[in-house]
Amino acid sequence: ACAAQMFVFAVFATVENYLLASMAYDHYAAVCK
């Protein structure tokens, strides 16, 4: 259960990391192009 909790948390925290980058690119496309 400890391993499962660690895995789920790490997955979604990493997903958020890259989603924030994707949203920055989306803002770039909307403002600059």
PDB file of all heavy atoms in Angstrom:
ATOM      1  N   ALA A   1       0.833  -1.208   0.000  1.00  0.00           N
ATOM      2  CA  ALA A   1       0.000   0.000   0.000  1.00  0.00           C
ATOM      3  C   ALA A   1       0.863   1.253   0.000  1.00  0.00           C
ATOM      4  O   ALA A   1       0.517   2.257  -0.638  1.00  0.00           O
ATOM      5  CB  ALA A   1      -0.928  -0.003   1.217  1.00  0.00           C
ATOM      6  N   CYS A   2       1.988   1.202   0.701  1.00  0.00           N
ATOM      7  CA  CYS A   2       2.926   2.329   0.714  1.00  0.00           C
ATOM      8  C   CYS A   2       3.474   2.565  -0.691  1.00  0.00           C
ATOM      9  O   CYS A   2       3.530   3.707  -1.160  1.00  0.00           O
ATOM     10  CB  CYS A   2       4.058   2.032   1.698  1.00  0.00           C
ATOM     11  SG  CYS A   2       5.271   3.364   1.872  1.00  0.00           S
ATOM     12  N   ALA A   3       3.859   1.480  -1.363  1.00  0.00           N
ATOM     13  CA  ALA A   3       4.383   1.591  -2.724  1.00  0.00           C
ATOM     14  C   ALA A   3       3.312   2.127  -3.674  1.00  0.00           C
ATOM     15  O   ALA A   3       3.596   2.967  -4.541  1.00  0.00           O
ATOM     16  CB  ALA A   3       4.893   0.232  -3.210  1.00  0.00           C
ATOM     17  N   ALA A   4       2.066   1.663  -3.494  1.00  0.00           N
ATOM     18  CA  ALA A   4       0.967   2.112  -4.360  1.00  0.00           C
ATOM     19  C   ALA A   4       0.694   3.596  -4.162  1.00  0.00           C
ATOM     20  O   ALA A   4       0.498   4.346  -5.133  1.00  0.00           O
ATOM     21  CB  ALA A   4      -0.291   1.298  -4.074  1.00  0.00           C
ATOM     22  N   GLN A   5       0.662   4.043  -2.904  1.00  0.00           N
ATOM     23  CA  GLN A   5       0.433   5.455  -2.618  1.00  0.00           C
ATOM     24  C   GLN A   5       1.533   6.318  -3.213  1.00  0.00           C
ATOM     25  O   GLN A   5       1.273   7.359  -3.830  1.00  0.00           O
ATOM     26  CB  GLN A   5       0.365   5.687  -1.103  1.00  0.00           C
ATOM     27  CG  GLN A   5       0.036   7.126  -0.734  1.00  0.00           C
ATOM     28  CD  GLN A   5       0.113   7.380   0.754  1.00  0.00           C
ATOM     29  OE1 GLN A   5       1.115   7.086   1.398  1.00  0.00           O
ATOM     30  NE2 GLN A   5      -0.964   7.927   1.315  1.00  0.00           N
ATOM     31  N   MET A   6       2.775   5.885  -3.045  1.00  0.00           N
ATOM     32  CA  MET A   6       3.920   6.611  -3.588  1.00  0.00           C
ATOM     33  C   MET A   6       3.833   6.698  -5.112  1.00  0.00           C
ATOM     34  O   MET A   6       4.103   7.749  -5.703  1.00  0.00           O
ATOM     35  CB  MET A   6       5.215   5.909  -3.168  1.00  0.00           C
ATOM     36  CG  MET A   6       6.482   6.682  -3.439  1.00  0.00           C
ATOM     37  SD  MET A   6       7.960   5.727  -2.989  1.00  0.00           S
ATOM     38  CE  MET A   6       7.812   5.671  -1.217  1.00  0.00           C
ATOM     39  N   PHE A   7       3.431   5.594  -5.747  1.00  0.00           N
ATOM     40  CA  PHE A   7       3.349   5.547  -7.212  1.00  0.00           C
ATOM     41  C   PHE A   7       2.277   6.496  -7.733  1.00  0.00           C
ATOM     42  O   PHE A   7       2.524   7.286  -8.650  1.00  0.00           O
ATOM     43  CB  PHE A   7       3.060   4.117  -7.671  1.00  0.00           C
ATOM     44  CG  PHE A   7       3.023   3.958  -9.166  1.00  0.00           C
ATOM     45  CD1 PHE A   7       4.189   3.822  -9.893  1.00  0.00           C
ATOM     46  CD2 PHE A   7       1.811   3.939  -9.844  1.00  0.00           C
ATOM     47  CE1 PHE A   7       4.160   3.686 -11.273  1.00  0.00           C
ATOM     48  CE2 PHE A   7       1.768   3.802 -11.223  1.00  0.00           C
ATOM     49  CZ  PHE A   7       2.949   3.674 -11.937  1.00  0.00           C
ATOM     50  N   VAL A   8       1.066   6.423  -7.153  1.00  0.00           N
ATOM     51  CA  VAL A   8      -0.044   7.275  -7.607  1.00  0.00           C
ATOM     52  C   VAL A   8       0.302   8.749  -7.429  1.00  0.00           C
ATOM     53  O   VAL A   8       0.080   9.574  -8.327  1.00  0.00           O
ATOM     54  CB  VAL A   8      -1.343   6.929  -6.848  1.00  0.00           C
ATOM     55  CG1 VAL A   8      -2.441   7.943  -7.174  1.00  0.00           C
ATOM     56  CG2 VAL A   8      -1.802   5.519  -7.200  1.00  0.00           C
ATOM     57  N   PHE A   9       0.876   9.074  -6.273  1.00  0.00           N
ATOM     58  CA  PHE A   9       1.257  10.458  -6.027  1.00  0.00           C
ATOM     59  C   PHE A   9       2.297  10.927  -7.037  1.00  0.00           C
ATOM     60  O   PHE A   9       2.184  12.027  -7.601  1.00  0.00           O
ATOM     61  CB  PHE A   9       1.807  10.611  -4.604  1.00  0.00           C
ATOM     62  CG  PHE A   9       2.316  11.989  -4.315  1.00  0.00           C
ATOM     63  CD1 PHE A   9       1.446  13.024  -4.031  1.00  0.00           C
ATOM     64  CD2 PHE A   9       3.669  12.268  -4.366  1.00  0.00           C
ATOM     65  CE1 PHE A   9       1.906  14.308  -3.788  1.00  0.00           C
ATOM     66  CE2 PHE A   9       4.147  13.542  -4.119  1.00  0.00           C
ATOM     67  CZ  PHE A   9       3.261  14.568  -3.828  1.00  0.00           C
ATOM     68  N   ALA A  10       3.327  10.115  -7.283  1.00  0.00           N
ATOM     69  CA  ALA A  10       4.397  10.496  -8.214  1.00  0.00           C
ATOM     70  C   ALA A  10       3.867  10.655  -9.634  1.00  0.00           C
ATOM     71  O   ALA A  10       4.286  11.563 -10.361  1.00  0.00           O
ATOM     72  CB  ALA A  10       5.519   9.451  -8.180  1.00  0.00           C
ATOM     73  N   VAL A  11       2.936   9.788 -10.044  1.00  0.00           N
ATOM     74  CA  VAL A  11       2.354   9.887 -11.388  1.00  0.00           C
ATOM     75  C   VAL A  11       1.671  11.233 -11.570  1.00  0.00           C
ATOM     76  O   VAL A  11       1.968  11.985 -12.508  1.00  0.00           O
ATOM     77  CB  VAL A  11       1.343   8.745 -11.641  1.00  0.00           C
ATOM     78  CG1 VAL A  11       0.511   9.043 -12.905  1.00  0.00           C
ATOM     79  CG2 VAL A  11       2.054   7.423 -11.822  1.00  0.00           C
ATOM     80  N   PHE A  12       0.747  11.573 -10.678  1.00  0.00           N
ATOM     81  CA  PHE A  12      -0.050  12.778 -10.861  1.00  0.00           C
ATOM     82  C   PHE A  12       0.762  14.053 -10.625  1.00  0.00           C
ATOM     83  O   PHE A  12       0.502  15.077 -11.273  1.00  0.00           O
ATOM     84  CB  PHE A  12      -1.285  12.746  -9.964  1.00  0.00           C
ATOM     85  CG  PHE A  12      -2.360  11.825 -10.464  1.00  0.00           C
ATOM     86  CD1 PHE A  12      -2.698  10.673  -9.778  1.00  0.00           C
ATOM     87  CD2 PHE A  12      -3.028  12.104 -11.648  1.00  0.00           C
ATOM     88  CE1 PHE A  12      -3.680   9.820 -10.249  1.00  0.00           C
ATOM     89  CE2 PHE A  12      -4.020  11.255 -12.132  1.00  0.00           C
ATOM     90  CZ  PHE A  12      -4.342  10.103 -11.429  1.00  0.00           C
ATOM     91  N   ALA A  13       1.734  13.996  -9.715  1.00  0.00           N
ATOM     92  CA  ALA A  13       2.583  15.173  -9.513  1.00  0.00           C
ATOM     93  C   ALA A  13       3.417  15.450 -10.761  1.00  0.00           C
ATOM     94  O   ALA A  13       3.599  16.602 -11.162  1.00  0.00           O
ATOM     95  CB  ALA A  13       3.492  14.968  -8.305  1.00  0.00           C
ATOM     96  N   THR A  14       3.923  14.375 -11.405  1.00  0.00           N
ATOM     97  CA  THR A  14       4.701  14.537 -12.645  1.00  0.00           C
ATOM     98  C   THR A  14       3.805  15.004 -13.783  1.00  0.00           C
ATOM     99  O   THR A  14       4.213  15.850 -14.595  1.00  0.00           O
ATOM    100  CB  THR A  14       5.386  13.215 -13.032  1.00  0.00           C
ATOM    101  OG1 THR A  14       6.126  12.713 -11.918  1.00  0.00           O
ATOM    102  CG2 THR A  14       6.327  13.419 -14.212  1.00  0.00           C
ATOM    103  N   VAL A  15       2.588  14.467 -13.845  1.00  0.00           N
ATOM    104  CA  VAL A  15       1.625  14.904 -14.864  1.00  0.00           C
ATOM    105  C   VAL A  15       1.371  16.404 -14.725  1.00  0.00           C
ATOM    106  O   VAL A  15       1.359  17.139 -15.724  1.00  0.00           O
ATOM    107  CB  VAL A  15       0.299  14.119 -14.743  1.00  0.00           C
ATOM    108  CG1 VAL A  15      -0.795  14.764 -15.597  1.00  0.00           C
ATOM    109  CG2 VAL A  15       0.503  12.669 -15.177  1.00  0.00           C
ATOM    110  N   GLU A  16       1.194  16.871 -13.497  1.00  0.00           N
ATOM    111  CA  GLU A  16       0.964  18.305 -13.283  1.00  0.00           C
ATOM    112  C   GLU A  16       2.159  19.125 -13.754  1.00  0.00           C
ATOM    113  O   GLU A  16       2.004  20.201 -14.340  1.00  0.00           O
ATOM    114  CB  GLU A  16       0.675  18.593 -11.807  1.00  0.00           C
ATOM    115  CG  GLU A  16       0.526  20.062 -11.505  1.00  0.00           C
ATOM    116  CD  GLU A  16      -0.563  20.368 -10.492  1.00  0.00           C
ATOM    117  OE1 GLU A  16      -1.405  19.493 -10.234  1.00  0.00           O
ATOM    118  OE2 GLU A  16      -0.581  21.482  -9.976  1.00  0.00           O
ATOM    119  N   ASN A  17       3.361  18.619 -13.476  1.00  0.00           N
ATOM    120  CA  ASN A  17       4.587  19.290 -13.901  1.00  0.00           C
ATOM    121  C   ASN A  17       4.573  19.564 -15.405  1.00  0.00           C
ATOM    122  O   ASN A  17       4.809  20.694 -15.862  1.00  0.00           O
ATOM    123  CB  ASN A  17       5.778  18.407 -13.521  1.00  0.00           C
ATOM    124  CG  ASN A  17       7.097  18.912 -14.068  1.00  0.00           C
ATOM    125  OD1 ASN A  17       7.587  19.962 -13.684  1.00  0.00           O
ATOM    126  ND2 ASN A  17       7.694  18.147 -14.982  1.00  0.00           N
ATOM    127  N   TYR A  18       4.259  18.543 -16.184  1.00  0.00           N
ATOM    128  CA  TYR A  18       4.280  18.695 -17.642  1.00  0.00           C
ATOM    129  C   TYR A  18       3.038  19.390 -18.184  1.00  0.00           C
ATOM    130  O   TYR A  18       3.089  20.031 -19.244  1.00  0.00           O
ATOM    131  CB  TYR A  18       4.489  17.328 -18.306  1.00  0.00           C
ATOM    132  CG  TYR A  18       5.914  16.859 -18.183  1.00  0.00           C
ATOM    133  CD1 TYR A  18       6.268  15.851 -17.296  1.00  0.00           C
ATOM    134  CD2 TYR A  18       6.923  17.457 -18.933  1.00  0.00           C
ATOM    135  CE1 TYR A  18       7.594  15.445 -17.162  1.00  0.00           C
ATOM    136  CE2 TYR A  18       8.250  17.056 -18.807  1.00  0.00           C
ATOM    137  CZ  TYR A  18       8.574  16.048 -17.925  1.00  0.00           C
ATOM    138  OH  TYR A  18       9.888  15.655 -17.794  1.00  0.00           O
ATOM    139  N   LEU A  19       1.915  19.292 -17.455  1.00  0.00           N
ATOM    140  CA  LEU A  19       0.734  20.044 -17.872  1.00  0.00           C
ATOM    141  C   LEU A  19       0.962  21.547 -17.745  1.00  0.00           C
ATOM    142  O   LEU A  19       0.519  22.325 -18.595  1.00  0.00           O
ATOM    143  CB  LEU A  19      -0.482  19.633 -17.028  1.00  0.00           C
ATOM    144  CG  LEU A  19      -1.181  18.341 -17.428  1.00  0.00           C
ATOM    145  CD1 LEU A  19      -2.240  17.971 -16.397  1.00  0.00           C
ATOM    146  CD2 LEU A  19      -1.809  18.438 -18.815  1.00  0.00           C
ATOM    147  N   LEU A  20       1.660  21.966 -16.697  1.00  0.00           N
ATOM    148  CA  LEU A  20       1.975  23.385 -16.541  1.00  0.00           C
ATOM    149  C   LEU A  20       2.842  23.884 -17.696  1.00  0.00           C
ATOM    150  O   LEU A  20       2.671  25.005 -18.177  1.00  0.00           O
ATOM    151  CB  LEU A  20       2.683  23.627 -15.204  1.00  0.00           C
ATOM    152  CG  LEU A  20       1.803  23.493 -13.949  1.00  0.00           C
ATOM    153  CD1 LEU A  20       2.659  23.541 -12.691  1.00  0.00           C
ATOM    154  CD2 LEU A  20       0.734  24.585 -13.907  1.00  0.00           C
ATOM    155  N   ALA A  21       3.762  23.022 -18.160  1.00  0.00           N
ATOM    156  CA  ALA A  21       4.576  23.384 -19.327  1.00  0.00           C
ATOM    157  C   ALA A  21       3.721  23.440 -20.591  1.00  0.00           C
ATOM    158  O   ALA A  21       3.876  24.357 -21.418  1.00  0.00           O
ATOM    159  CB  ALA A  21       5.711  22.371 -19.499  1.00  0.00           C
ATOM    160  N   SER A  22       2.806  22.483 -20.750  1.00  0.00           N
ATOM    161  CA  SER A  22       1.913  22.471 -21.918  1.00  0.00           C
ATOM    162  C   SER A  22       1.021  23.703 -21.941  1.00  0.00           C
ATOM    163  O   SER A  22       0.756  24.286 -23.005  1.00  0.00           O
ATOM    164  CB  SER A  22       1.050  21.204 -21.909  1.00  0.00           C
ATOM    165  OG  SER A  22       1.847  20.037 -21.961  1.00  0.00           O
ATOM    166  N   MET A  23       0.566  24.118 -20.770  1.00  0.00           N
ATOM    167  CA  MET A  23      -0.285  25.309 -20.687  1.00  0.00           C
ATOM    168  C   MET A  23       0.500  26.568 -21.028  1.00  0.00           C
ATOM    169  O   MET A  23      -0.045  27.499 -21.626  1.00  0.00           O
ATOM    170  CB  MET A  23      -0.893  25.411 -19.288  1.00  0.00           C
ATOM    171  CG  MET A  23      -1.867  24.285 -18.972  1.00  0.00           C
ATOM    172  SD  MET A  23      -2.471  24.282 -17.274  1.00  0.00           S
ATOM    173  CE  MET A  23      -3.766  25.511 -17.393  1.00  0.00           C
ATOM    174  N   ALA A  24       1.787  26.591 -20.659  1.00  0.00           N
ATOM    175  CA  ALA A  24       2.625  27.738 -21.029  1.00  0.00           C
ATOM    176  C   ALA A  24       2.773  27.817 -22.544  1.00  0.00           C
ATOM    177  O   ALA A  24       2.706  28.913 -23.134  1.00  0.00           O
ATOM    178  CB  ALA A  24       4.005  27.607 -20.371  1.00  0.00           C
ATOM    179  N   TYR A  25       2.955  26.658 -23.183  1.00  0.00           N
ATOM    180  CA  TYR A  25       3.060  26.641 -24.653  1.00  0.00           C
ATOM    181  C   TYR A  25       1.738  27.085 -25.287  1.00  0.00           C
ATOM    182  O   TYR A  25       1.737  27.822 -26.298  1.00  0.00           O
ATOM    183  CB  TYR A  25       3.433  25.240 -25.130  1.00  0.00           C
ATOM    184  CG  TYR A  25       3.504  25.121 -26.633  1.00  0.00           C
ATOM    185  CD1 TYR A  25       4.570  25.678 -27.339  1.00  0.00           C
ATOM    186  CD2 TYR A  25       2.494  24.472 -27.346  1.00  0.00           C
ATOM    187  CE1 TYR A  25       4.624  25.585 -28.727  1.00  0.00           C
ATOM    188  CE2 TYR A  25       2.546  24.374 -28.729  1.00  0.00           C
ATOM    189  CZ  TYR A  25       3.616  24.935 -29.412  1.00  0.00           C
ATOM    190  OH  TYR A  25       3.676  24.850 -30.782  1.00  0.00           O
ATOM    191  N   ASP A  26       0.619  26.658 -24.702  1.00  0.00           N
ATOM    192  CA  ASP A  26      -0.698  27.075 -25.203  1.00  0.00           C
ATOM    193  C   ASP A  26      -0.853  28.591 -25.095  1.00  0.00           C
ATOM    194  O   ASP A  26      -1.347  29.247 -26.024  1.00  0.00           O
ATOM    195  CB  ASP A  26      -1.795  26.369 -24.414  1.00  0.00           C
ATOM    196  CG  ASP A  26      -3.183  26.835 -24.813  1.00  0.00           C
ATOM    197  OD1 ASP A  26      -3.543  26.690 -25.991  1.00  0.00           O
ATOM    198  OD2 ASP A  26      -3.908  27.354 -23.940  1.00  0.00           O
ATOM    199  N   HIS A  27      -0.399  29.174 -23.977  1.00  0.00           N
ATOM    200  CA  HIS A  27      -0.454  30.631 -23.809  1.00  0.00           C
ATOM    201  C   HIS A  27       0.429  31.327 -24.848  1.00  0.00           C
ATOM    202  O   HIS A  27       0.051  32.373 -25.392  1.00  0.00           O
ATOM    203  CB  HIS A  27       0.007  31.019 -22.397  1.00  0.00           C
ATOM    204  CG  HIS A  27      -0.953  30.608 -21.332  1.00  0.00           C
ATOM    205  ND1 HIS A  27      -0.615  30.565 -20.005  1.00  0.00           N
ATOM    206  CD2 HIS A  27      -2.248  30.221 -21.401  1.00  0.00           C
ATOM    207  CE1 HIS A  27      -1.664  30.165 -19.302  1.00  0.00           C
ATOM    208  NE2 HIS A  27      -2.661  29.952 -20.133  1.00  0.00           N
ATOM    209  N   TYR A  28       1.595  30.745 -25.090  1.00  0.00           N
ATOM    210  CA  TYR A  28       2.500  31.302 -26.115  1.00  0.00           C
ATOM    211  C   TYR A  28       1.807  31.340 -27.478  1.00  0.00           C
ATOM    212  O   TYR A  28       1.836  32.361 -28.182  1.00  0.00           O
ATOM    213  CB  TYR A  28       3.780  30.472 -26.192  1.00  0.00           C
ATOM    214  CG  TYR A  28       4.505  30.580 -27.503  1.00  0.00           C
ATOM    215  CD1 TYR A  28       5.265  31.708 -27.816  1.00  0.00           C
ATOM    216  CD2 TYR A  28       4.400  29.559 -28.460  1.00  0.00           C
ATOM    217  CE1 TYR A  28       5.908  31.815 -29.032  1.00  0.00           C
ATOM    218  CE2 TYR A  28       5.044  29.659 -29.677  1.00  0.00           C
ATOM    219  CZ  TYR A  28       5.795  30.789 -29.968  1.00  0.00           C
ATOM    220  OH  TYR A  28       6.423  30.900 -31.180  1.00  0.00           O
ATOM    221  N   ALA A  29       1.179  30.218 -27.836  1.00  0.00           N
ATOM    222  CA  ALA A  29       0.518  30.154 -29.139  1.00  0.00           C
ATOM    223  C   ALA A  29      -0.637  31.153 -29.224  1.00  0.00           C
ATOM    224  O   ALA A  29      -0.844  31.789 -30.266  1.00  0.00           O
ATOM    225  CB  ALA A  29       0.006  28.728 -29.389  1.00  0.00           C
ATOM    226  N   ALA A  30      -1.378  31.315 -28.121  1.00  0.00           N
ATOM    227  CA  ALA A  30      -2.527  32.228 -28.116  1.00  0.00           C
ATOM    228  C   ALA A  30      -2.108  33.687 -28.181  1.00  0.00           C
ATOM    229  O   ALA A  30      -2.735  34.487 -28.881  1.00  0.00           O
ATOM    230  CB  ALA A  30      -3.376  31.980 -26.866  1.00  0.00           C
ATOM    231  N   VAL A  31      -1.038  34.056 -27.468  1.00  0.00           N
ATOM    232  CA  VAL A  31      -0.612  35.457 -27.389  1.00  0.00           C
ATOM    233  C   VAL A  31       0.292  35.840 -28.551  1.00  0.00           C
ATOM    234  O   VAL A  31       0.127  36.916 -29.150  1.00  0.00           O
ATOM    235  CB  VAL A  31       0.102  35.735 -26.045  1.00  0.00           C
ATOM    236  CG1 VAL A  31       0.660  37.158 -26.005  1.00  0.00           C
ATOM    237  CG2 VAL A  31      -0.858  35.515 -24.876  1.00  0.00           C
ATOM    238  N   CYS A  32       1.218  34.970 -28.898  1.00  0.00           N
ATOM    239  CA  CYS A  32       2.245  35.318 -29.891  1.00  0.00           C
ATOM    240  C   CYS A  32       1.850  34.963 -31.320  1.00  0.00           C
ATOM    241  O   CYS A  32       2.307  35.607 -32.268  1.00  0.00           O
ATOM    242  CB  CYS A  32       3.569  34.631 -29.546  1.00  0.00           C
ATOM    243  SG  CYS A  32       4.203  35.049 -27.913  1.00  0.00           S
ATOM    244  N   LYS A  33       1.036  33.940 -31.488  1.00  0.00           N
ATOM    245  CA  LYS A  33       0.633  33.501 -32.829  1.00  0.00           C
ATOM    246  C   LYS A  33      -0.887  33.380 -32.931  1.00  0.00           C
ATOM    247  O   LYS A  33      -1.410  32.316 -33.286  1.00  0.00           O
ATOM    248  CB  LYS A  33       1.270  32.132 -33.140  1.00  0.00           C
ATOM    249  CG  LYS A  33       2.778  32.066 -32.963  1.00  0.00           C
ATOM    250  CD  LYS A  33       3.516  32.784 -34.075  1.00  0.00           C
ATOM    251  CE  LYS A  33       5.028  32.624 -33.916  1.00  0.00           C
ATOM    252  NZ  LYS A  33       5.764  33.336 -34.982  1.00  0.00           N
TER     253      LYS A  33
END
